[in-house]
Amino acid sequence: MASYNSAKQVGIANKTGDIVIGKLADIIVLTKNNDIFLTICEGKIAYQQE
């Protein structure tokens, strides 16, 4: 919900802020050690740990 609330505050909640069909998908997946495992920007994989 932190992403949705931030998006709502700046007026872009209609296109980002939560994970639903039709919205921009910007997601970071972390490992249990908080290292970046996967980054998805606008629905496309931008980085994936090997």
Protein backbone atom coordinates (compact mmCIF):
# COMPACT_ATOMS: atom_id res chain seq x y z
CA MET A 1 0.00 0.00 0.00
CA ALA A 2 2.93 2.38 0.42
CA SER A 3 3.32 2.60 -3.35
CA TYR A 4 -0.38 3.27 -3.92
CA ASN A 5 -0.56 5.99 -1.30
CA SER A 6 2.51 7.73 -2.73
CA ALA A 7 1.10 7.51 -6.26
CA LYS A 8 -2.23 8.88 -5.04
CA GLN A 9 -0.52 11.85 -3.36
CA VAL A 10 1.20 12.89 -6.61
CA GLY A 11 -1.85 12.22 -8.80
CA ILE A 12 -0.66 9.18 -10.76
CA ALA A 13 -2.58 6.40 -9.01
CA ASN A 14 -4.60 5.84 -12.19
CA LYS A 15 -1.49 4.43 -13.95
CA THR A 16 0.80 3.15 -11.18
CA GLY A 17 0.91 2.34 -7.47
CA ASP A 18 -0.44 -1.21 -7.31
CA ILE A 19 -0.14 -4.45 -9.27
CA VAL A 20 -3.16 -4.77 -11.55
CA ILE A 21 -3.76 -5.32 -15.26
CA GLY A 22 -3.39 -2.11 -17.23
CA LYS A 23 -1.07 -0.27 -14.85
CA LEU A 24 2.69 0.22 -15.22
CA ALA A 25 4.60 -2.59 -13.55
CA ASP A 26 7.69 -1.28 -11.76
CA ILE A 27 8.78 -3.95 -9.30
CA ILE A 28 11.98 -4.83 -7.45
CA VAL A 29 12.38 -8.35 -6.07
CA LEU A 30 14.97 -8.77 -3.29
CA THR A 31 16.74 -11.85 -1.96
CA LYS A 32 16.56 -12.76 1.71
CA ASN A 33 19.85 -10.82 2.11
CA ASN A 34 18.23 -7.70 0.54
CA ASP A 35 20.27 -7.98 -2.65
CA ILE A 36 18.46 -7.06 -5.86
CA PHE A 37 17.37 -10.25 -7.62
CA LEU A 38 15.03 -8.88 -10.29
CA THR A 39 13.92 -5.48 -11.55
CA ILE A 40 10.88 -5.00 -13.79
CA CYS A 41 10.27 -1.58 -15.37
CA GLU A 42 7.04 -0.88 -17.24
CA GLY A 43 6.33 -4.61 -17.37
CA LYS A 44 9.70 -5.61 -18.87
CA ILE A 45 12.63 -7.27 -17.11
CA ALA A 46 15.36 -4.63 -16.81
CA TYR A 47 17.74 -6.62 -14.61
CA GLN A 48 17.95 -10.22 -13.41
CA GLN A 49 20.66 -11.60 -11.16
CA GLU A 50 22.47 -14.55 -12.70
